[in-house]
Amino acid sequence: MGRLKGEMSSTQWSDVFTLTVSYNKPEPVLTVSPSWPSPGASVTLNCRVDYPSAGWSFYWYKAVPQKSDDSYSYELLPGSENGTEQHLFIIDGQTHTAGYVCRAGRGDPVFYSWHSSAAFLWSGDLNSAASLTVSPDSVQHFTKTPLSLSCEGNSTEWRVRRFSEADNLYHCSSWGTMTGSICTITRRWLSGVFWCESETGHFSNAVNITKDDDGQMILVSPVRPVAEGLPVTLSCKLNNETVLYDVDFYKNDKLIQNDNRRELTISAVSKSDEGFYKCKRRDLADSRTSSESWLSVKSSRPGKVSQFPVLLTVGLLCGVLLIILPLLFMYRYRKSKDAVFIRSQSTNQGPATDHMINQDEIQNMPQYSTLLHGDRCLYETIRGPVEAGNGASNEPEESLYINVAADQ
């Protein structure tokens, strides 16, 4: 509004206009670490807001697949209903594949940012609610080879998703055909992480599948983790499906087999066998090398991880016993010695004066021993009278000598 200068009796109003203050909502970026955790490990979610960066509270959500379309709904995680001051959120005991989302808010009333894109952590372990199997069973595939991804579990409707190296999500229909619970790829397709999602919100195990860039040679290795103690076989194939025999096998870039066997066989895998494997042709004219594939090994006995605390407890207990038992033995030994000493003093006391015996007399005395107190190993030695002719007094004298012998 406005009033003309010098006009006191009347005013004039300007045209009405609308003032709009726009404020672009920031879009946070969510990262998950580690993205392939061991079953039961802790996972850290990191929600980053670049501008402005101060004064935000953070809200954390689980991504739930929507039945109607290709999107997700967001389910607030326990502990973040009122937001957290820290931009980090730790999830303990993660066992299955899952997707997470975050957003930030500040002020009163609360001004919220956009939701972040879904970030995923993947598990290779099968579970009863959802599972994914791959045929042929291998991490690496030729681009011309038909590939089937099959979903199974507690659901009637499934979709197969792929997460690409460019951090993009794709549905099976964009690079294959989804028929029921099976996604079939018959044309050229890309590498990535694949998993199944159900209408009931379940995620299957995830598999990391790669294509051969030059279409010439691949390493055939299992796509899912191998249970500890089971055998596993790796081989090397050309694009005509021929299994090669003139190849060397490497683990973590270290040569581990260079004979003429067509396959690398591990009779009973263990955690020490985990690593990146590849094969290389031995032919100098054609020394092609396959891509690397990670061989994952999981424990076949769930209780194996907890054996260390048990062994530690047993070890500590044994150590305590080794300290206490000698002390107890010494105490009983000392107590028994004191008792024998008192008995000896009582026996030697009488009307006569105590008789002292020197070492020469002791050596010439006849003796016999009887076991006292059984397992206490205390012996009583009775010395008889000194025989005549040995240079000692002819009067018979009897004394008592106590000898404590260690148990043999």
Protein backbone atom coordinates (compact mmCIF):
# COMPACT_ATOMS: atom_id res chain seq x y z
CA MET A 1 0.00 0.00 0.00
CA GLY A 2 1.10 3.64 -0.44
CA ARG A 3 0.00 7.27 0.13
CA LEU A 4 0.92 10.28 -1.93
CA LYS A 5 3.16 12.86 -0.24
CA GLY A 6 1.31 16.06 0.83
CA GLU A 7 -2.15 14.56 0.60
CA MET A 8 -3.34 14.37 4.15
CA SER A 9 -7.04 13.88 3.60
CA SER A 10 -6.97 10.99 1.20
CA THR A 11 -4.78 8.01 0.31
CA GLN A 12 -4.22 5.99 -2.82
CA TRP A 13 -3.50 2.26 -2.83
CA SER A 14 -1.20 0.46 -5.20
CA ASP A 15 -2.23 -2.60 -7.12
CA VAL A 16 -2.32 -5.80 -5.12
CA PHE A 17 0.53 -8.17 -5.77
CA THR A 18 1.53 -11.54 -4.33
CA LEU A 19 4.92 -12.03 -2.81
CA THR A 20 6.10 -15.64 -3.09
CA VAL A 21 9.16 -16.83 -1.22
CA SER A 22 10.46 -20.01 -2.77
CA TYR A 23 12.80 -22.37 -1.01
CA ASN A 24 14.11 -25.37 -2.86
CA LYS A 25 13.91 -28.52 -0.84
CA PRO A 26 17.26 -30.26 -0.51
CA GLU A 27 17.48 -33.90 -1.55
CA PRO A 28 19.58 -35.93 0.88
CA VAL A 29 21.90 -38.69 -0.27
CA LEU A 30 21.79 -41.98 1.64
CA THR A 31 24.69 -44.43 1.68
CA VAL A 32 24.89 -47.86 3.31
CA SER A 33 28.09 -49.40 4.68
CA PRO A 34 28.91 -52.18 4.17
CA SER A 35 26.69 -52.88 1.18
CA TRP A 36 27.40 -56.65 1.39
CA PRO A 37 27.48 -57.30 5.16
CA SER A 38 28.06 -60.67 6.76
CA PRO A 39 24.85 -62.17 8.21
CA GLY A 40 24.10 -60.62 11.58
CA ALA A 41 26.60 -57.76 11.17
CA SER A 42 25.94 -54.11 11.99
CA VAL A 43 25.14 -51.74 9.14
CA THR A 44 25.57 -47.96 9.17
CA LEU A 45 23.20 -45.63 7.28
CA ASN A 46 24.61 -42.20 6.42
CA CYS A 47 22.18 -39.43 5.40
CA ARG A 48 23.95 -36.39 3.96
CA VAL A 49 22.35 -32.97 3.32
CA ASP A 50 24.72 -30.71 1.43
CA TYR A 51 23.02 -27.31 1.71
CA PRO A 52 22.34 -25.96 4.19
CA SER A 53 24.00 -28.57 6.35
CA ALA A 54 23.25 -27.45 9.93
CA GLY A 55 20.25 -27.80 12.20
CA TRP A 56 18.64 -30.89 10.67
CA SER A 57 17.01 -33.85 12.34
CA PHE A 58 17.02 -37.11 10.42
CA TYR A 59 14.25 -39.64 9.79
CA TRP A 60 14.91 -43.21 8.71
CA TYR A 61 12.65 -45.53 6.70
CA LYS A 62 12.52 -49.06 5.34
CA ALA A 63 11.62 -49.29 1.65
CA VAL A 64 8.57 -51.52 1.11
CA PRO A 65 7.79 -52.70 -2.45
CA GLN A 66 4.41 -51.53 -3.77
CA LYS A 67 2.14 -54.09 -5.40
CA SER A 68 0.43 -51.60 -7.72
CA ASP A 69 3.50 -50.15 -9.41
CA ASP A 70 7.28 -50.20 -9.55
CA SER A 71 7.78 -47.88 -6.56
CA TYR A 72 8.28 -48.15 -2.81
CA SER A 73 6.40 -46.95 0.24
CA TYR A 74 8.30 -45.86 3.33
CA GLU A 75 7.95 -47.45 6.76
CA LEU A 76 9.46 -45.44 9.62
CA LEU A 77 12.12 -47.35 11.52
CA PRO A 78 11.79 -47.74 15.31
CA GLY A 79 13.80 -45.13 17.16
CA SER A 80 13.46 -42.39 14.55
CA GLU A 81 9.84 -41.28 15.08
CA ASN A 82 10.97 -37.88 16.38
CA GLY A 83 14.09 -37.70 14.25
CA THR A 84 17.69 -38.20 15.31
CA GLU A 85 20.29 -35.51 15.83
CA GLN A 86 22.97 -37.60 14.20
CA HIS A 87 23.12 -38.16 10.46
CA LEU A 88 24.21 -41.76 11.14
CA PHE A 89 21.85 -44.61 12.01
CA ILE A 90 23.12 -48.08 12.97
CA ILE A 91 21.13 -51.26 12.34
CA ASP A 92 22.32 -54.28 14.33
CA GLY A 93 21.88 -57.91 13.33
CA GLN A 94 21.07 -57.37 9.66
CA THR A 95 20.49 -60.75 7.98
CA HIS A 96 18.59 -60.16 4.72
CA THR A 97 18.58 -57.92 1.69
CA ALA A 98 16.78 -54.64 2.41
CA GLY A 99 16.28 -51.12 1.08
CA TYR A 100 16.38 -47.92 3.16
CA VAL A 101 15.40 -44.26 2.70
CA CYS A 102 16.08 -41.13 4.74
CA ARG A 103 14.93 -37.51 4.86
CA ALA A 104 15.77 -34.48 6.99
CA GLY A 105 13.64 -31.89 8.78
CA ARG A 106 14.10 -28.76 10.87
CA GLY A 107 12.22 -25.79 12.32
CA ASP A 108 8.82 -25.44 14.00
CA PRO A 109 6.64 -26.30 12.21
CA VAL A 110 8.99 -28.85 10.70
CA PHE A 111 10.23 -28.19 7.19
CA TYR A 112 11.12 -31.49 5.50
CA SER A 113 13.56 -32.27 2.74
CA TRP A 114 12.73 -34.64 -0.08
CA HIS A 115 13.11 -38.34 0.56
CA SER A 116 16.43 -39.77 -0.55
CA SER A 117 16.67 -42.41 -3.23
CA ALA A 118 16.53 -45.95 -1.86
CA ALA A 119 19.87 -47.37 -0.80
CA PHE A 120 20.28 -51.13 -0.54
CA LEU A 121 22.31 -53.61 1.41
CA TRP A 122 22.51 -57.10 -0.01
CA SER A 123 22.81 -60.56 1.46
CA GLY A 124 23.68 -63.69 -0.47
CA ASP A 125 22.00 -66.01 2.03
CA LEU A 126 18.74 -67.76 1.21
CA ASN A 127 15.78 -67.33 3.51
CA SER A 128 12.37 -68.98 3.80
CA ALA A 129 10.40 -65.86 2.90
CA ALA A 130 12.06 -65.19 -0.46
CA SER A 131 14.86 -66.65 -2.55
CA LEU A 132 16.39 -66.14 -5.97
CA THR A 133 18.05 -68.86 -8.06
CA VAL A 134 20.02 -68.36 -11.27
CA SER A 135 20.29 -70.71 -14.22
CA PRO A 136 22.98 -71.36 -15.41
CA ASP A 137 24.49 -71.15 -11.93
CA SER A 138 27.45 -68.83 -12.43
CA VAL A 139 28.48 -65.28 -11.64
CA GLN A 140 29.82 -64.64 -15.16
CA HIS A 141 27.80 -65.19 -18.34
CA PHE A 142 28.16 -64.65 -22.05
CA THR A 143 25.85 -61.99 -23.42
CA LYS A 144 24.36 -64.47 -25.92
CA THR A 145 23.52 -67.06 -23.24
CA PRO A 146 19.85 -67.13 -22.12
CA LEU A 147 19.57 -66.53 -18.40
CA SER A 148 16.70 -67.34 -16.03
CA LEU A 149 16.13 -65.73 -12.64
CA SER A 150 13.56 -67.57 -10.56
CA CYS A 151 11.81 -66.23 -7.44
CA GLU A 152 10.41 -68.48 -4.73
CA GLY A 153 8.95 -67.97 -1.28
CA ASN A 154 5.90 -66.74 0.64
CA SER A 155 4.24 -64.78 -2.14
CA THR A 156 2.21 -65.17 -5.31
CA GLU A 157 3.52 -62.11 -7.13
CA TRP A 158 7.15 -61.25 -7.69
CA ARG A 159 9.28 -58.76 -9.53
CA VAL A 160 12.98 -58.98 -10.30
CA ARG A 161 15.04 -55.85 -9.84
CA ARG A 162 18.51 -54.90 -11.01
CA PHE A 163 20.78 -52.30 -9.49
CA SER A 164 23.31 -51.08 -12.04
CA GLU A 165 26.77 -49.67 -11.56
CA ALA A 166 25.31 -46.23 -12.33
CA ASP A 167 23.15 -46.49 -9.17
CA ASN A 168 19.96 -46.95 -11.15
CA LEU A 169 17.09 -49.35 -10.46
CA TYR A 170 15.52 -51.35 -13.27
CA HIS A 171 12.63 -53.76 -13.50
CA CYS A 172 12.92 -57.06 -15.37
CA SER A 173 10.67 -55.75 -18.17
CA SER A 174 13.35 -53.24 -19.20
CA TRP A 175 15.88 -55.95 -20.09
CA GLY A 176 13.88 -59.21 -20.13
CA THR A 177 10.50 -60.87 -19.80
CA MET A 178 8.75 -61.47 -16.48
CA THR A 179 6.48 -64.52 -16.62
CA GLY A 180 4.98 -65.42 -13.28
CA SER A 181 7.89 -65.70 -10.90
CA ILE A 182 10.60 -66.14 -13.58
CA CYS A 183 12.52 -63.38 -15.32
CA THR A 184 14.06 -64.60 -18.59
CA ILE A 185 16.80 -62.64 -20.31
CA THR A 186 17.20 -63.62 -23.97
CA ARG A 187 18.80 -60.48 -25.36
CA ARG A 188 21.88 -58.46 -24.54
CA TRP A 189 21.81 -57.40 -20.92
CA LEU A 190 23.96 -55.56 -18.44
CA SER A 191 25.82 -56.44 -15.27
CA GLY A 192 24.53 -55.61 -11.82
CA VAL A 193 23.04 -56.86 -8.57
CA PHE A 194 19.78 -58.80 -8.96
CA TRP A 195 17.12 -59.75 -6.40
CA CYS A 196 13.42 -60.56 -6.05
CA GLU A 197 10.77 -58.42 -4.35
CA SER A 198 7.37 -59.69 -3.27
CA GLU A 199 3.97 -58.08 -2.93
CA THR A 200 4.19 -58.75 0.80
CA GLY A 201 7.33 -56.64 1.15
CA HIS A 202 9.96 -59.41 1.23
CA PHE A 203 13.37 -59.21 -0.39
CA SER A 204 15.23 -62.30 -1.59
CA ASN A 205 18.93 -63.00 -1.47
CA ALA A 206 20.89 -60.87 -3.92
CA VAL A 207 23.27 -62.10 -6.62
CA ASN A 208 26.02 -60.19 -8.37
CA ILE A 209 26.06 -61.10 -12.06
CA THR A 210 28.53 -59.85 -14.66
CA LYS A 211 28.68 -60.16 -18.42
CA ASP A 212 31.78 -60.88 -20.45
CA ASP A 213 32.88 -57.61 -22.03
CA ASP A 214 34.57 -59.12 -25.09
CA GLY A 215 32.35 -62.23 -25.35
CA GLN A 216 35.30 -64.60 -25.42
CA MET A 217 36.07 -66.25 -22.08
CA ILE A 218 34.45 -66.51 -18.63
CA LEU A 219 35.16 -68.09 -15.25
CA VAL A 220 32.37 -70.45 -14.14
CA SER A 221 31.88 -70.06 -10.38
CA PRO A 222 28.85 -70.46 -8.05
CA VAL A 223 26.62 -67.42 -7.80
CA ARG A 224 25.56 -68.05 -4.17
CA PRO A 225 27.75 -68.53 -1.07
CA VAL A 226 29.08 -72.09 -0.64
CA ALA A 227 28.55 -73.73 2.74
CA GLU A 228 31.77 -74.38 4.62
CA GLY A 229 32.95 -77.97 4.25
CA LEU A 230 31.29 -78.59 0.87
CA PRO A 231 33.22 -79.08 -2.38
CA VAL A 232 33.32 -76.40 -5.07
CA THR A 233 34.57 -76.52 -8.65
CA LEU A 234 35.67 -73.63 -10.88
CA SER A 235 36.27 -73.87 -14.62
CA CYS A 236 37.05 -71.65 -17.57
CA LYS A 237 34.93 -71.50 -20.74
CA LEU A 238 35.19 -70.06 -24.21
CA ASN A 239 32.19 -68.51 -25.91
CA ASN A 240 31.57 -71.79 -27.76
CA GLU A 241 30.98 -73.39 -24.32
CA THR A 242 34.25 -75.34 -24.52
CA VAL A 243 35.83 -75.96 -21.11
CA LEU A 244 39.51 -75.10 -21.36
CA TYR A 245 42.31 -77.21 -19.91
CA ASP A 246 45.35 -75.04 -20.78
CA VAL A 247 44.56 -72.40 -18.16
CA ASP A 248 46.04 -71.18 -14.91
CA PHE A 249 43.85 -70.30 -11.94
CA TYR A 250 44.50 -67.30 -9.72
CA LYS A 251 43.17 -66.23 -6.34
CA ASN A 252 43.59 -62.56 -5.44
CA ASP A 253 46.05 -62.28 -8.37
CA LYS A 254 48.21 -65.11 -6.97
CA LEU A 255 48.77 -68.25 -9.05
CA ILE A 256 47.29 -71.30 -7.27
CA GLN A 257 47.03 -73.98 -10.01
CA ASN A 258 48.95 -74.29 -13.30
CA ASP A 259 48.68 -77.95 -14.32
CA ASN A 260 46.61 -79.55 -17.08
CA ARG A 261 43.51 -80.17 -15.02
CA ARG A 262 40.42 -78.68 -16.65
CA GLU A 263 38.96 -77.51 -13.35
CA LEU A 264 39.99 -76.07 -10.02
CA THR A 265 38.41 -78.22 -7.29
CA ILE A 266 38.39 -77.43 -3.60
CA SER A 267 37.27 -80.58 -1.76
CA ALA A 268 36.08 -78.80 1.38
CA VAL A 269 35.93 -75.02 1.31
CA SER A 270 36.63 -72.88 4.37
CA LYS A 271 36.62 -69.18 5.11
CA SER A 272 40.24 -68.99 4.02
CA ASP A 273 39.14 -69.90 0.48
CA GLU A 274 37.10 -66.71 0.08
CA GLY A 275 38.51 -64.30 -2.46
CA PHE A 276 38.58 -63.11 -6.06
CA TYR A 277 39.26 -65.87 -8.61
CA LYS A 278 40.09 -65.70 -12.29
CA CYS A 279 41.58 -67.89 -15.01
CA LYS A 280 44.14 -67.17 -17.71
CA ARG A 281 45.04 -69.07 -20.86
CA ARG A 282 48.54 -70.49 -20.90
CA ASP A 283 48.86 -70.20 -24.69
CA LEU A 284 51.36 -67.44 -25.46
CA ALA A 285 49.51 -66.63 -28.69
CA ASP A 286 46.20 -66.31 -26.83
CA SER A 287 46.79 -65.29 -23.22
CA ARG A 288 43.27 -64.09 -22.53
CA THR A 289 42.17 -63.63 -18.93
CA SER A 290 38.67 -63.90 -17.52
CA SER A 291 37.09 -61.31 -15.27
CA GLU A 292 37.37 -61.79 -11.53
CA SER A 293 34.55 -63.32 -9.48
CA TRP A 294 34.18 -63.34 -5.71
CA LEU A 295 33.81 -66.76 -4.10
CA SER A 296 31.80 -66.45 -0.90
CA VAL A 297 31.89 -69.07 1.88
CA LYS A 298 29.38 -69.22 4.73
CA SER A 299 29.52 -71.22 7.94
CA SER A 300 27.55 -74.48 7.79
CA ARG A 301 27.28 -74.62 11.59
CA PRO A 302 25.59 -71.56 13.14
CA GLY A 303 27.10 -72.30 16.53
CA LYS A 304 30.62 -72.26 15.22
CA VAL A 305 30.96 -68.52 15.62
CA SER A 306 30.11 -68.74 19.31
CA GLN A 307 32.78 -71.37 20.10
CA PHE A 308 35.43 -68.77 20.83
CA PRO A 309 33.74 -67.37 23.96
CA VAL A 310 33.18 -70.93 25.18
CA LEU A 311 36.82 -71.90 24.65
CA LEU A 312 37.92 -68.68 26.31
CA THR A 313 35.78 -69.42 29.36
CA VAL A 314 37.11 -73.00 29.61
CA GLY A 315 40.67 -71.73 29.29
CA LEU A 316 40.21 -69.16 32.04
CA LEU A 317 38.63 -71.79 34.31
CA CYS A 318 41.53 -74.18 33.76
CA GLY A 319 43.96 -71.37 34.51
CA VAL A 320 42.22 -70.56 37.79
CA LEU A 321 42.24 -74.24 38.77
CA LEU A 322 45.95 -74.50 38.02
CA ILE A 323 46.51 -71.66 40.48
CA ILE A 324 44.10 -72.77 43.20
CA LEU A 325 44.97 -76.49 43.30
CA PRO A 326 48.69 -76.04 44.10
CA LEU A 327 47.79 -73.52 46.80
CA LEU A 328 45.27 -75.94 48.28
CA PHE A 329 47.81 -78.77 48.21
CA MET A 330 50.41 -76.60 49.93
CA TYR A 331 47.86 -75.60 52.59
CA ARG A 332 46.94 -79.23 53.36
CA TYR A 333 50.59 -80.22 53.27
CA ARG A 334 51.52 -77.47 55.75
CA LYS A 335 48.55 -78.33 57.99
CA SER A 336 49.52 -82.02 58.06
CA LYS A 337 53.16 -81.17 58.78
CA ASP A 338 52.17 -79.02 61.74
CA ALA A 339 50.00 -81.83 63.10
CA VAL A 340 52.85 -84.34 62.85
CA PHE A 341 55.24 -81.92 64.51
CA ILE A 342 52.90 -81.51 67.48
CA ARG A 343 52.55 -85.30 67.74
CA SER A 344 56.34 -85.68 67.68
CA GLN A 345 56.80 -83.14 70.48
CA SER A 346 54.15 -84.89 72.58
CA THR A 347 55.83 -88.30 72.12
CA ASN A 348 59.32 -87.11 73.06
CA GLN A 349 58.26 -85.27 76.22
CA GLY A 350 58.68 -87.16 79.58
CA PRO A 351 60.52 -87.16 82.87
CA ALA A 352 63.85 -87.37 81.13
CA THR A 353 65.55 -84.56 79.31
CA ASP A 354 65.04 -84.39 75.50
CA HIS A 355 67.71 -86.38 73.74
CA MET A 356 69.49 -84.77 70.76
CA ILE A 357 70.70 -86.99 67.93
CA ASN A 358 73.49 -86.03 65.59
CA GLN A 359 73.72 -86.96 61.90
CA ASP A 360 76.22 -89.85 62.42
CA GLU A 361 73.95 -91.51 64.94
CA ILE A 362 70.95 -91.18 62.60
CA GLN A 363 72.78 -92.89 59.73
CA ASN A 364 73.74 -95.90 61.94
CA MET A 365 70.29 -96.47 63.36
CA PRO A 366 68.07 -99.32 62.08
CA GLN A 367 64.67 -98.08 60.86
CA TYR A 368 61.30 -99.13 59.59
CA SER A 369 58.52 -97.02 58.12
CA THR A 370 54.76 -97.12 58.17
CA LEU A 371 52.41 -95.07 56.00
CA LEU A 372 50.30 -92.59 57.95
CA HIS A 373 47.11 -90.85 56.76
CA GLY A 374 46.98 -92.76 53.48
CA ASP A 375 47.09 -90.31 50.57
CA ARG A 376 48.85 -87.62 52.59
CA CYS A 377 52.15 -89.45 52.04
CA LEU A 378 53.39 -88.98 55.64
CA TYR A 379 55.81 -91.59 56.95
CA GLU A 380 56.73 -92.35 60.56
CA THR A 381 60.27 -93.71 61.04
CA ILE A 382 61.06 -95.44 64.31
CA ARG A 383 64.72 -95.62 65.28
CA GLY A 384 65.78 -98.59 67.43
CA PRO A 385 68.58 -98.76 70.08
CA VAL A 386 72.16 -98.31 68.95
CA GLU A 387 74.08 -101.57 68.72
CA ALA A 388 77.06 -102.09 70.92
CA GLY A 389 80.45 -101.80 69.41
CA ASN A 390 79.71 -98.79 67.34
CA GLY A 391 81.32 -96.37 69.71
CA ALA A 392 78.04 -95.19 71.18
CA SER A 393 76.50 -95.65 74.58
CA ASN A 394 75.35 -99.20 75.39
CA GLU A 395 72.26 -98.01 77.13
CA PRO A 396 69.21 -98.56 74.96
CA GLU A 397 67.62 -95.34 73.95
CA GLU A 398 64.61 -94.85 71.68
CA SER A 399 63.82 -91.73 69.77
CA LEU A 400 61.23 -90.68 67.20
CA TYR A 401 62.11 -89.20 63.79
CA ILE A 402 59.45 -87.99 61.39
CA ASN A 403 60.13 -88.11 57.69
CA VAL A 404 57.71 -86.49 55.25
CA ALA A 405 58.13 -87.93 51.77
CA ALA A 406 56.67 -86.53 48.58
CA ASP A 407 54.32 -88.76 46.66
CA GLN A 408 56.06 -90.39 43.69
